[in-house]
N, C-alpha and C. Protein backbone atom coordinates (compact mmCIF):
# COMPACT_ATOMS: atom_id res chain seq x y z
N MET A 1 86.53 44.45 82.45
CA MET A 1 86.92 43.06 82.22
C MET A 1 85.91 42.13 82.89
N THR A 2 85.29 41.25 82.12
CA THR A 2 84.32 40.32 82.68
C THR A 2 85.04 39.21 83.44
N GLU A 3 84.27 38.43 84.20
CA GLU A 3 84.87 37.30 84.91
C GLU A 3 85.49 36.31 83.94
N ASP A 4 84.81 36.04 82.84
CA ASP A 4 85.36 35.10 81.85
C ASP A 4 86.66 35.63 81.25
N GLU A 5 86.70 36.93 80.96
CA GLU A 5 87.92 37.54 80.43
C GLU A 5 89.05 37.48 81.45
N ALA A 6 88.70 37.71 82.72
CA ALA A 6 89.71 37.65 83.78
C ALA A 6 90.26 36.24 83.93
N ARG A 7 89.38 35.26 83.92
CA ARG A 7 89.83 33.87 84.02
C ARG A 7 90.72 33.50 82.83
N ALA A 8 90.36 33.97 81.65
CA ALA A 8 91.17 33.69 80.46
C ALA A 8 92.54 34.35 80.58
N TRP A 9 92.58 35.57 81.09
CA TRP A 9 93.87 36.25 81.27
C TRP A 9 94.74 35.48 82.26
N LEU A 10 94.16 35.05 83.37
CA LEU A 10 94.92 34.30 84.37
C LEU A 10 95.49 33.01 83.79
N HIS A 11 94.69 32.35 82.96
CA HIS A 11 95.15 31.11 82.33
C HIS A 11 96.26 31.39 81.33
N ASP A 12 96.06 32.40 80.49
CA ASP A 12 97.02 32.67 79.41
C ASP A 12 98.31 33.31 79.93
N ALA A 13 98.17 34.27 80.84
CA ALA A 13 99.34 35.03 81.29
C ALA A 13 100.13 34.32 82.39
N LEU A 14 99.42 33.60 83.26
CA LEU A 14 100.07 33.00 84.42
C LEU A 14 99.96 31.49 84.46
N ASP A 15 99.24 30.91 83.50
CA ASP A 15 99.09 29.46 83.43
C ASP A 15 98.57 28.88 84.74
N VAL A 16 97.58 29.55 85.33
CA VAL A 16 97.04 29.08 86.60
C VAL A 16 96.22 27.81 86.38
N SER A 17 96.19 26.98 87.38
CA SER A 17 95.48 25.71 87.30
C SER A 17 94.00 25.90 87.61
N ARG A 18 93.22 24.88 87.32
CA ARG A 18 91.81 24.88 87.68
C ARG A 18 91.65 25.01 89.19
N GLU A 19 92.51 24.33 89.93
CA GLU A 19 92.45 24.40 91.39
C GLU A 19 92.68 25.83 91.88
N THR A 20 93.62 26.52 91.26
CA THR A 20 93.89 27.91 91.63
C THR A 20 92.71 28.81 91.31
N LEU A 21 92.10 28.62 90.15
CA LEU A 21 90.90 29.40 89.80
C LEU A 21 89.78 29.13 90.79
N ASP A 22 89.61 27.88 91.19
CA ASP A 22 88.58 27.55 92.17
C ASP A 22 88.85 28.23 93.51
N ARG A 23 90.11 28.28 93.89
CA ARG A 23 90.48 28.92 95.16
C ARG A 23 90.24 30.43 95.07
N LEU A 24 90.53 31.02 93.94
CA LEU A 24 90.23 32.44 93.75
C LEU A 24 88.73 32.70 93.82
N ASP A 25 87.94 31.75 93.32
CA ASP A 25 86.49 31.89 93.39
C ASP A 25 86.01 31.83 94.83
N VAL A 26 86.59 30.93 95.63
CA VAL A 26 86.26 30.87 97.06
C VAL A 26 86.60 32.20 97.72
N TYR A 27 87.75 32.74 97.38
CA TYR A 27 88.15 34.04 97.94
C TYR A 27 87.15 35.13 97.56
N TYR A 28 86.74 35.16 96.30
CA TYR A 28 85.74 36.14 95.87
C TYR A 28 84.49 36.05 96.75
N HIS A 29 84.01 34.84 97.00
CA HIS A 29 82.80 34.68 97.79
C HIS A 29 83.01 35.08 99.25
N LEU A 30 84.20 34.86 99.78
CA LEU A 30 84.49 35.33 101.14
C LEU A 30 84.39 36.85 101.21
N VAL A 31 84.95 37.51 100.22
CA VAL A 31 84.88 38.98 100.19
C VAL A 31 83.44 39.44 99.98
N ALA A 32 82.73 38.77 99.09
CA ALA A 32 81.34 39.15 98.82
C ALA A 32 80.47 39.02 100.06
N GLU A 33 80.73 38.00 100.87
CA GLU A 33 79.91 37.74 102.05
C GLU A 33 80.29 38.63 103.23
N ASP A 34 81.59 38.79 103.46
CA ASP A 34 82.04 39.52 104.65
C ASP A 34 82.68 40.87 104.34
N GLY A 35 83.26 40.99 103.16
CA GLY A 35 84.00 42.20 102.84
C GLY A 35 83.15 43.44 102.76
N VAL A 36 81.97 43.33 102.17
CA VAL A 36 81.08 44.49 102.06
C VAL A 36 80.59 44.89 103.44
N ARG A 37 80.23 43.90 104.25
CA ARG A 37 79.74 44.20 105.60
C ARG A 37 80.79 44.94 106.42
N GLN A 38 82.05 44.57 106.23
CA GLN A 38 83.13 45.21 106.98
C GLN A 38 83.71 46.42 106.23
N ASN A 39 83.09 46.77 105.11
CA ASN A 39 83.55 47.91 104.30
C ASN A 39 84.97 47.72 103.78
N LEU A 40 85.31 46.46 103.46
CA LEU A 40 86.62 46.17 102.87
C LEU A 40 86.64 46.54 101.40
N VAL A 41 85.52 46.31 100.73
CA VAL A 41 85.35 46.70 99.34
C VAL A 41 83.95 47.26 99.18
N SER A 42 83.74 48.04 98.13
CA SER A 42 82.40 48.57 97.89
C SER A 42 81.54 47.51 97.21
N ARG A 43 80.26 47.58 97.45
CA ARG A 43 79.35 46.63 96.80
C ARG A 43 79.42 46.76 95.28
N ALA A 44 79.58 47.99 94.79
CA ALA A 44 79.64 48.20 93.34
C ALA A 44 80.84 47.50 92.73
N SER A 45 81.96 47.44 93.46
CA SER A 45 83.17 46.85 92.89
C SER A 45 83.07 45.33 92.77
N LEU A 46 82.10 44.72 93.44
CA LEU A 46 81.93 43.27 93.33
C LEU A 46 81.53 42.86 91.92
N ASP A 47 80.87 43.77 91.19
CA ASP A 47 80.45 43.45 89.83
C ASP A 47 81.64 43.25 88.89
N ASP A 48 82.75 43.88 89.23
CA ASP A 48 83.96 43.76 88.40
C ASP A 48 85.13 43.24 89.25
N PHE A 49 84.81 42.39 90.22
CA PHE A 49 85.83 41.96 91.18
C PHE A 49 86.97 41.20 90.52
N TRP A 50 86.65 40.33 89.58
CA TRP A 50 87.69 39.52 88.96
C TRP A 50 88.69 40.38 88.17
N GLY A 51 88.20 41.40 87.50
CA GLY A 51 89.11 42.26 86.77
C GLY A 51 89.74 43.33 87.64
N ARG A 52 88.89 44.04 88.36
CA ARG A 52 89.35 45.20 89.13
C ARG A 52 90.25 44.82 90.29
N HIS A 53 90.02 43.64 90.86
CA HIS A 53 90.78 43.25 92.05
C HIS A 53 91.67 42.02 91.83
N ILE A 54 91.11 40.95 91.26
CA ILE A 54 91.92 39.73 91.14
C ILE A 54 93.00 39.88 90.08
N VAL A 55 92.64 40.25 88.86
CA VAL A 55 93.66 40.44 87.82
C VAL A 55 94.58 41.59 88.19
N ASP A 56 94.02 42.66 88.73
CA ASP A 56 94.84 43.81 89.11
C ASP A 56 95.91 43.41 90.12
N SER A 57 95.59 42.47 91.00
CA SER A 57 96.57 41.97 91.97
C SER A 57 97.49 40.93 91.36
N ALA A 58 96.92 40.01 90.60
CA ALA A 58 97.70 38.89 90.04
C ALA A 58 98.76 39.35 89.06
N GLN A 59 98.56 40.49 88.41
CA GLN A 59 99.57 40.97 87.45
C GLN A 59 100.91 41.24 88.13
N LEU A 60 100.90 41.43 89.45
CA LEU A 60 102.16 41.64 90.16
C LEU A 60 103.05 40.41 90.10
N VAL A 61 102.43 39.24 89.98
CA VAL A 61 103.21 38.00 89.88
C VAL A 61 104.04 38.02 88.60
N LEU A 62 103.46 38.53 87.52
CA LEU A 62 104.22 38.66 86.27
C LEU A 62 105.42 39.58 86.45
N LEU A 63 105.21 40.69 87.12
CA LEU A 63 106.29 41.64 87.33
C LEU A 63 107.36 41.08 88.27
N ALA A 64 106.95 40.19 89.16
CA ALA A 64 107.91 39.60 90.09
C ALA A 64 108.87 38.64 89.40
N GLY A 65 108.43 38.02 88.32
CA GLY A 65 109.30 37.11 87.58
C GLY A 65 109.82 35.98 88.45
N LYS A 66 111.13 35.74 88.41
CA LYS A 66 111.73 34.64 89.16
C LYS A 66 111.66 34.86 90.67
N ARG A 67 111.49 36.09 91.08
CA ARG A 67 111.37 36.37 92.52
C ARG A 67 110.05 35.87 93.10
N ALA A 68 109.09 35.54 92.26
CA ALA A 68 107.72 35.25 92.72
C ALA A 68 107.65 34.10 93.72
N SER A 69 108.63 33.22 93.73
CA SER A 69 108.62 32.10 94.68
C SER A 69 109.23 32.47 96.02
N GLY A 70 109.74 33.69 96.14
CA GLY A 70 110.38 34.13 97.38
C GLY A 70 109.38 34.62 98.41
N GLN A 71 109.90 35.27 99.45
CA GLN A 71 109.08 35.77 100.55
C GLN A 71 108.40 37.08 100.17
N TRP A 72 107.07 37.09 100.25
CA TRP A 72 106.28 38.29 99.97
C TRP A 72 105.90 38.97 101.28
N LEU A 73 105.85 40.28 101.25
CA LEU A 73 105.33 41.09 102.35
C LEU A 73 104.32 42.06 101.77
N ASP A 74 103.08 41.98 102.27
CA ASP A 74 102.02 42.89 101.81
C ASP A 74 101.57 43.72 102.99
N ILE A 75 101.70 45.03 102.90
CA ILE A 75 101.33 45.87 104.03
C ILE A 75 100.01 46.59 103.76
N GLY A 76 99.25 46.78 104.85
CA GLY A 76 97.93 47.38 104.71
C GLY A 76 97.03 46.51 103.87
N SER A 77 97.02 45.20 104.17
CA SER A 77 96.39 44.21 103.28
C SER A 77 94.89 44.38 103.13
N GLY A 78 94.21 44.92 104.14
CA GLY A 78 92.78 45.14 104.03
C GLY A 78 92.00 43.89 103.73
N ALA A 79 91.42 43.81 102.53
CA ALA A 79 90.65 42.64 102.12
C ALA A 79 91.53 41.53 101.56
N GLY A 80 92.86 41.75 101.56
CA GLY A 80 93.77 40.75 101.01
C GLY A 80 94.23 41.07 99.61
N LEU A 81 94.19 42.36 99.28
CA LEU A 81 94.56 42.82 97.94
C LEU A 81 95.79 43.70 98.02
N PRO A 82 96.87 43.29 97.43
CA PRO A 82 97.01 42.12 96.55
C PRO A 82 97.46 40.83 97.22
N GLY A 83 97.77 40.88 98.53
CA GLY A 83 98.50 39.80 99.18
C GLY A 83 97.90 38.41 99.11
N ILE A 84 96.58 38.29 99.36
CA ILE A 84 95.98 36.96 99.30
C ILE A 84 95.94 36.46 97.86
N VAL A 85 95.66 37.34 96.93
CA VAL A 85 95.63 36.91 95.52
C VAL A 85 97.00 36.39 95.08
N THR A 86 98.05 37.14 95.38
CA THR A 86 99.39 36.68 94.97
C THR A 86 99.78 35.41 95.71
N ALA A 87 99.34 35.25 96.95
CA ALA A 87 99.64 34.02 97.70
C ALA A 87 98.93 32.82 97.08
N ILE A 88 97.69 33.01 96.64
CA ILE A 88 96.96 31.93 95.98
C ILE A 88 97.64 31.54 94.68
N VAL A 89 98.03 32.53 93.90
CA VAL A 89 98.60 32.27 92.58
C VAL A 89 99.99 31.64 92.67
N THR A 90 100.81 32.10 93.61
CA THR A 90 102.20 31.63 93.68
C THR A 90 102.43 30.49 94.65
N GLY A 91 101.61 30.41 95.71
CA GLY A 91 101.89 29.45 96.77
C GLY A 91 103.12 29.81 97.58
N ALA A 92 103.61 31.03 97.43
CA ALA A 92 104.85 31.46 98.08
C ALA A 92 104.59 31.90 99.52
N PRO A 93 105.63 31.87 100.37
CA PRO A 93 105.47 32.38 101.74
C PRO A 93 105.10 33.86 101.71
N THR A 94 104.10 34.22 102.49
CA THR A 94 103.56 35.58 102.44
C THR A 94 103.21 36.06 103.83
N MET A 95 103.58 37.28 104.15
CA MET A 95 103.14 37.91 105.38
C MET A 95 102.18 39.04 105.02
N LEU A 96 100.99 39.00 105.61
CA LEU A 96 99.99 40.04 105.43
C LEU A 96 99.99 40.90 106.69
N VAL A 97 100.28 42.18 106.54
CA VAL A 97 100.34 43.08 107.68
C VAL A 97 99.15 44.02 107.62
N GLU A 98 98.29 43.94 108.64
CA GLU A 98 97.07 44.74 108.68
C GLU A 98 96.79 45.14 110.13
N PRO A 99 96.99 46.41 110.48
CA PRO A 99 96.85 46.82 111.87
C PRO A 99 95.42 46.90 112.39
N ARG A 100 94.44 46.98 111.51
CA ARG A 100 93.05 47.12 111.96
C ARG A 100 92.50 45.74 112.33
N ARG A 101 92.01 45.63 113.55
CA ARG A 101 91.68 44.33 114.14
C ARG A 101 90.65 43.56 113.33
N LEU A 102 89.55 44.18 112.94
CA LEU A 102 88.51 43.47 112.21
C LEU A 102 89.00 42.99 110.85
N ARG A 103 89.78 43.82 110.20
CA ARG A 103 90.30 43.43 108.89
C ARG A 103 91.33 42.31 109.03
N ALA A 104 92.15 42.38 110.06
CA ALA A 104 93.10 41.29 110.31
C ALA A 104 92.36 40.00 110.61
N GLY A 105 91.23 40.11 111.32
CA GLY A 105 90.41 38.93 111.58
C GLY A 105 89.86 38.33 110.31
N PHE A 106 89.40 39.17 109.40
CA PHE A 106 88.93 38.67 108.11
C PHE A 106 90.05 37.96 107.37
N LEU A 107 91.24 38.56 107.35
CA LEU A 107 92.37 37.95 106.66
C LEU A 107 92.71 36.59 107.26
N ALA A 108 92.71 36.50 108.58
CA ALA A 108 93.04 35.22 109.23
C ALA A 108 92.02 34.15 108.86
N THR A 109 90.75 34.53 108.82
CA THR A 109 89.70 33.58 108.42
C THR A 109 89.89 33.16 106.98
N ALA A 110 90.18 34.11 106.11
CA ALA A 110 90.38 33.80 104.69
C ALA A 110 91.58 32.88 104.49
N VAL A 111 92.68 33.16 105.16
CA VAL A 111 93.88 32.32 105.05
C VAL A 111 93.57 30.89 105.48
N ASP A 112 92.83 30.75 106.58
CA ASP A 112 92.47 29.41 107.07
C ASP A 112 91.52 28.71 106.10
N THR A 113 90.50 29.41 105.65
CA THR A 113 89.51 28.82 104.74
C THR A 113 90.14 28.39 103.42
N LEU A 114 91.07 29.18 102.94
CA LEU A 114 91.72 28.92 101.65
C LEU A 114 92.87 27.92 101.75
N GLY A 115 93.23 27.55 102.96
CA GLY A 115 94.32 26.60 103.13
C GLY A 115 95.67 27.15 102.73
N LEU A 116 95.88 28.43 102.98
CA LEU A 116 97.15 29.08 102.63
C LEU A 116 98.14 28.88 103.78
N THR A 117 98.71 27.70 103.84
CA THR A 117 99.54 27.31 104.98
C THR A 117 100.87 28.07 105.05
N ARG A 118 101.27 28.71 103.97
CA ARG A 118 102.52 29.46 103.96
C ARG A 118 102.28 30.97 104.12
N CYS A 119 101.07 31.30 104.49
CA CYS A 119 100.66 32.70 104.62
C CYS A 119 100.33 32.98 106.09
N ARG A 120 100.83 34.08 106.62
CA ARG A 120 100.47 34.43 107.99
C ARG A 120 100.08 35.90 108.08
N VAL A 121 99.30 36.20 109.11
CA VAL A 121 98.76 37.55 109.29
C VAL A 121 99.38 38.17 110.53
N GLU A 122 99.83 39.40 110.41
CA GLU A 122 100.32 40.18 111.54
C GLU A 122 99.37 41.35 111.75
N ALA A 123 98.68 41.37 112.90
CA ALA A 123 97.72 42.43 113.19
C ALA A 123 98.43 43.58 113.91
N LEU A 124 99.39 44.16 113.22
CA LEU A 124 100.22 45.23 113.77
C LEU A 124 100.54 46.25 112.69
N PRO A 125 100.89 47.47 113.07
CA PRO A 125 101.48 48.38 112.09
C PRO A 125 102.81 47.81 111.63
N ILE A 126 103.20 48.07 110.40
CA ILE A 126 104.44 47.52 109.87
C ILE A 126 105.63 47.94 110.72
N GLU A 127 105.57 49.12 111.32
CA GLU A 127 106.69 49.61 112.13
C GLU A 127 106.92 48.75 113.37
N ARG A 128 105.91 47.97 113.78
CA ARG A 128 106.04 47.12 114.97
C ARG A 128 106.30 45.66 114.62
N VAL A 129 106.39 45.35 113.36
CA VAL A 129 106.73 43.99 112.92
C VAL A 129 108.24 43.85 112.91
N ALA A 130 108.74 42.76 113.49
CA ALA A 130 110.18 42.55 113.56
C ALA A 130 110.79 42.56 112.16
N PRO A 131 111.90 43.25 111.97
CA PRO A 131 112.53 43.30 110.65
C PRO A 131 112.87 41.91 110.11
N PHE A 132 112.68 41.72 108.84
CA PHE A 132 113.09 40.48 108.17
C PHE A 132 113.27 40.80 106.69
N PRO A 133 114.04 39.97 105.97
CA PRO A 133 114.38 40.30 104.58
C PRO A 133 113.38 39.78 103.55
N ALA A 134 112.35 40.55 103.27
CA ALA A 134 111.38 40.17 102.24
C ALA A 134 112.01 40.29 100.86
N ASP A 135 111.62 39.39 99.97
CA ASP A 135 112.09 39.44 98.58
C ASP A 135 111.23 40.36 97.73
N ILE A 136 109.94 40.46 98.10
CA ILE A 136 108.99 41.31 97.38
C ILE A 136 108.13 42.03 98.40
N VAL A 137 107.99 43.33 98.25
CA VAL A 137 107.13 44.12 99.12
C VAL A 137 106.03 44.74 98.27
N THR A 138 104.78 44.56 98.71
CA THR A 138 103.64 45.12 97.98
C THR A 138 102.79 45.98 98.91
N ALA A 139 102.09 46.92 98.33
CA ALA A 139 101.12 47.73 99.06
C ALA A 139 100.22 48.39 98.04
N ARG A 140 98.94 48.36 98.31
CA ARG A 140 97.95 48.93 97.38
C ARG A 140 97.09 49.93 98.14
N ALA A 141 97.14 51.19 97.70
CA ALA A 141 96.32 52.25 98.29
C ALA A 141 96.56 52.38 99.79
N VAL A 142 97.84 52.43 100.18
CA VAL A 142 98.20 52.49 101.59
C VAL A 142 98.75 53.86 101.99
N ALA A 143 99.73 54.36 101.23
CA ALA A 143 100.41 55.60 101.59
C ALA A 143 101.16 56.13 100.38
N PRO A 144 101.60 57.40 100.43
CA PRO A 144 102.44 57.93 99.35
C PRO A 144 103.73 57.13 99.22
N LEU A 145 104.34 57.18 98.04
CA LEU A 145 105.53 56.38 97.76
C LEU A 145 106.65 56.64 98.75
N ASP A 146 106.93 57.89 99.04
CA ASP A 146 108.00 58.23 99.98
C ASP A 146 107.75 57.56 101.32
N ARG A 147 106.53 57.61 101.80
CA ARG A 147 106.17 57.00 103.09
C ARG A 147 106.26 55.48 103.02
N LEU A 148 105.82 54.89 101.93
CA LEU A 148 105.90 53.43 101.78
C LEU A 148 107.35 52.94 101.87
N LEU A 149 108.24 53.63 101.21
CA LEU A 149 109.65 53.23 101.24
C LEU A 149 110.22 53.36 102.65
N ASP A 150 109.83 54.41 103.35
CA ASP A 150 110.28 54.58 104.74
C ASP A 150 109.73 53.47 105.63
N MET A 151 108.46 53.13 105.45
CA MET A 151 107.81 52.14 106.29
C MET A 151 108.41 50.75 106.14
N THR A 152 108.90 50.45 104.95
CA THR A 152 109.27 49.06 104.63
C THR A 152 110.77 48.83 104.50
N ARG A 153 111.59 49.85 104.63
CA ARG A 153 113.01 49.66 104.32
C ARG A 153 113.71 48.72 105.28
N ASN A 154 113.16 48.49 106.48
CA ASN A 154 113.75 47.53 107.41
C ASN A 154 113.23 46.11 107.19
N HIS A 155 112.39 45.94 106.20
CA HIS A 155 111.79 44.63 105.94
C HIS A 155 112.08 44.16 104.52
N ALA A 156 113.16 44.64 103.95
CA ALA A 156 113.49 44.33 102.56
C ALA A 156 114.88 43.74 102.46
N SER A 157 114.99 42.67 101.69
CA SER A 157 116.31 42.09 101.41
C SER A 157 117.09 43.03 100.50
N PRO A 158 118.41 42.86 100.40
CA PRO A 158 119.19 43.73 99.51
C PRO A 158 118.73 43.70 98.06
N SER A 159 118.16 42.57 97.64
CA SER A 159 117.70 42.45 96.25
C SER A 159 116.18 42.60 96.13
N CYS A 160 115.55 43.18 97.14
CA CYS A 160 114.09 43.27 97.19
C CYS A 160 113.51 44.02 95.99
N LEU A 161 112.37 43.52 95.54
CA LEU A 161 111.57 44.19 94.52
C LEU A 161 110.34 44.79 95.19
N PHE A 162 110.17 46.09 95.03
CA PHE A 162 108.99 46.78 95.55
C PHE A 162 107.97 46.91 94.42
N LEU A 163 106.72 46.54 94.71
CA LEU A 163 105.64 46.61 93.72
C LEU A 163 104.47 47.36 94.33
N PHE A 164 104.24 48.57 93.86
CA PHE A 164 103.20 49.43 94.43
C PHE A 164 102.21 49.88 93.36
N PRO A 165 101.03 49.24 93.26
CA PRO A 165 99.99 49.75 92.37
C PRO A 165 99.58 51.16 92.82
N LYS A 166 99.58 52.10 91.88
CA LYS A 166 99.41 53.49 92.28
C LYS A 166 98.31 54.23 91.53
N GLY A 167 97.60 53.58 90.65
CA GLY A 167 96.52 54.28 89.98
C GLY A 167 97.00 55.30 88.97
N ARG A 168 96.13 56.24 88.64
CA ARG A 168 96.41 57.17 87.55
C ARG A 168 97.35 58.31 87.92
N GLY A 169 97.59 58.49 89.21
CA GLY A 169 98.53 59.54 89.61
C GLY A 169 99.91 59.02 89.92
N GLY A 170 100.15 57.76 89.61
CA GLY A 170 101.40 57.13 90.01
C GLY A 170 102.64 57.72 89.36
N ALA A 171 102.55 58.04 88.08
CA ALA A 171 103.72 58.58 87.38
C ALA A 171 104.13 59.92 87.98
N GLU A 172 103.15 60.76 88.30
CA GLU A 172 103.45 62.05 88.91
C GLU A 172 104.04 61.87 90.30
N GLU A 173 103.52 60.89 91.03
CA GLU A 173 104.04 60.62 92.37
C GLU A 173 105.50 60.18 92.30
N LEU A 174 105.81 59.34 91.33
CA LEU A 174 107.20 58.90 91.17
C LEU A 174 108.10 60.07 90.79
N ALA A 175 107.61 60.92 89.91
CA ALA A 175 108.42 62.07 89.47
C ALA A 175 108.74 63.02 90.62
N SER A 176 107.87 63.06 91.62
CA SER A 176 108.08 63.98 92.75
C SER A 176 108.74 63.30 93.95
N LEU A 177 109.19 62.06 93.79
CA LEU A 177 109.85 61.36 94.89
C LEU A 177 111.11 62.12 95.31
N PRO A 178 111.28 62.38 96.60
CA PRO A 178 112.47 63.12 97.05
C PRO A 178 113.77 62.45 96.59
N LYS A 179 114.77 63.29 96.31
CA LYS A 179 116.04 62.81 95.76
C LYS A 179 116.83 61.95 96.75
N ARG A 180 116.41 61.95 98.02
CA ARG A 180 117.14 61.10 98.98
C ARG A 180 116.98 59.62 98.68
N TRP A 181 115.96 59.27 97.89
CA TRP A 181 115.76 57.87 97.52
C TRP A 181 116.49 57.57 96.22
N GLN A 182 117.35 56.57 96.28
CA GLN A 182 118.11 56.14 95.12
C GLN A 182 117.68 54.72 94.74
N GLY A 183 117.74 54.39 93.47
CA GLY A 183 117.39 53.05 93.03
C GLY A 183 116.89 53.06 91.59
N ASP A 184 116.47 51.90 91.16
CA ASP A 184 115.91 51.74 89.82
C ASP A 184 114.40 51.77 89.93
N PHE A 185 113.80 52.91 89.66
CA PHE A 185 112.35 53.10 89.78
C PHE A 185 111.73 53.16 88.39
N ARG A 186 110.59 52.50 88.25
CA ARG A 186 109.89 52.52 86.97
C ARG A 186 108.38 52.61 87.22
N ALA A 187 107.68 53.20 86.26
CA ALA A 187 106.22 53.25 86.27
C ALA A 187 105.72 52.43 85.09
N ILE A 188 105.04 51.33 85.40
CA ILE A 188 104.60 50.38 84.38
C ILE A 188 103.08 50.40 84.28
N SER A 189 102.56 50.45 83.08
CA SER A 189 101.11 50.50 82.89
C SER A 189 100.45 49.23 83.39
N SER A 190 99.30 49.40 84.02
CA SER A 190 98.52 48.26 84.51
C SER A 190 97.78 47.58 83.37
N VAL A 191 97.65 46.27 83.44
CA VAL A 191 96.89 45.56 82.40
C VAL A 191 95.40 45.82 82.52
N THR A 192 94.95 46.26 83.69
CA THR A 192 93.52 46.50 83.88
C THR A 192 93.11 47.93 83.55
N ASP A 193 94.08 48.84 83.46
CA ASP A 193 93.81 50.23 83.11
C ASP A 193 95.11 50.85 82.62
N PRO A 194 95.28 51.02 81.32
CA PRO A 194 96.54 51.54 80.77
C PRO A 194 96.94 52.90 81.32
N GLU A 195 95.97 53.66 81.86
CA GLU A 195 96.30 54.97 82.41
C GLU A 195 96.77 54.89 83.86
N SER A 196 96.60 53.72 84.47
CA SER A 196 97.09 53.50 85.83
C SER A 196 98.46 52.84 85.78
N VAL A 197 99.25 53.07 86.82
CA VAL A 197 100.60 52.51 86.81
C VAL A 197 100.88 51.72 88.08
N ILE A 198 101.85 50.83 87.93
CA ILE A 198 102.45 50.12 89.06
C ILE A 198 103.88 50.62 89.15
N ILE A 199 104.24 51.13 90.31
CA ILE A 199 105.62 51.57 90.51
C ILE A 199 106.45 50.37 90.96
N THR A 200 107.51 50.09 90.23
CA THR A 200 108.44 49.03 90.61
C THR A 200 109.76 49.68 91.02
N ALA A 201 110.43 49.05 91.98
CA ALA A 201 111.71 49.60 92.44
C ALA A 201 112.63 48.48 92.89
N THR A 202 113.89 48.58 92.53
CA THR A 202 114.92 47.66 93.00
C THR A 202 116.16 48.49 93.37
N SER A 203 117.08 47.84 94.08
CA SER A 203 118.34 48.49 94.49
C SER A 203 118.05 49.80 95.21
N VAL A 204 117.04 49.79 96.08
CA VAL A 204 116.61 51.01 96.75
C VAL A 204 117.49 51.30 97.97
N SER A 205 117.90 52.54 98.09
CA SER A 205 118.63 52.99 99.27
C SER A 205 118.24 54.43 99.57
N ARG A 206 118.51 54.82 100.81
CA ARG A 206 118.19 56.19 101.22
C ARG A 206 119.48 56.91 101.60
N ARG A 207 119.67 58.09 101.05
CA ARG A 207 120.88 58.87 101.34
C ARG A 207 120.72 59.61 102.66
């Protein structure tokens, strides 16, 4: 997906404003300048950053639906994917949890530069963040599904929506989820790669 195609998708699918596109462009340049140096993203992925990273993250807003204006929690945020992208697109309150100091520093700089006043960074493991009821929990390339649910279950509201981009092995990972986890789990094809999936979950409980 080219940058022009990605911008067109954002406009058509999410009706993003020119200001939002400009802010996403600022974010891209922050990652291009500092992200490669800190090994947040590969230099090769910058060539397809708008499709591979921005659209791939922004599609979660579509899946969030009416919940998108609620409290987001993104764990293992790294370069801010998907958390900073969804925060830019929605303007919703967002907590970015990133235990690695340098990466948390990058996130804090990005949040300040982008003027994301409703976004805050916690430089801690999620297990050390005080429990609170997030409406949406996201994580990209952080841990297996079983582990993600364990890590975040104290930070989810009763109606929480979990959104976990899982790549091409996601359907198999969902199929092998231990039976102790109950809820409405689905594997939805990604708009950026039909063979990759996003695992969505609601009404999650552990037996």
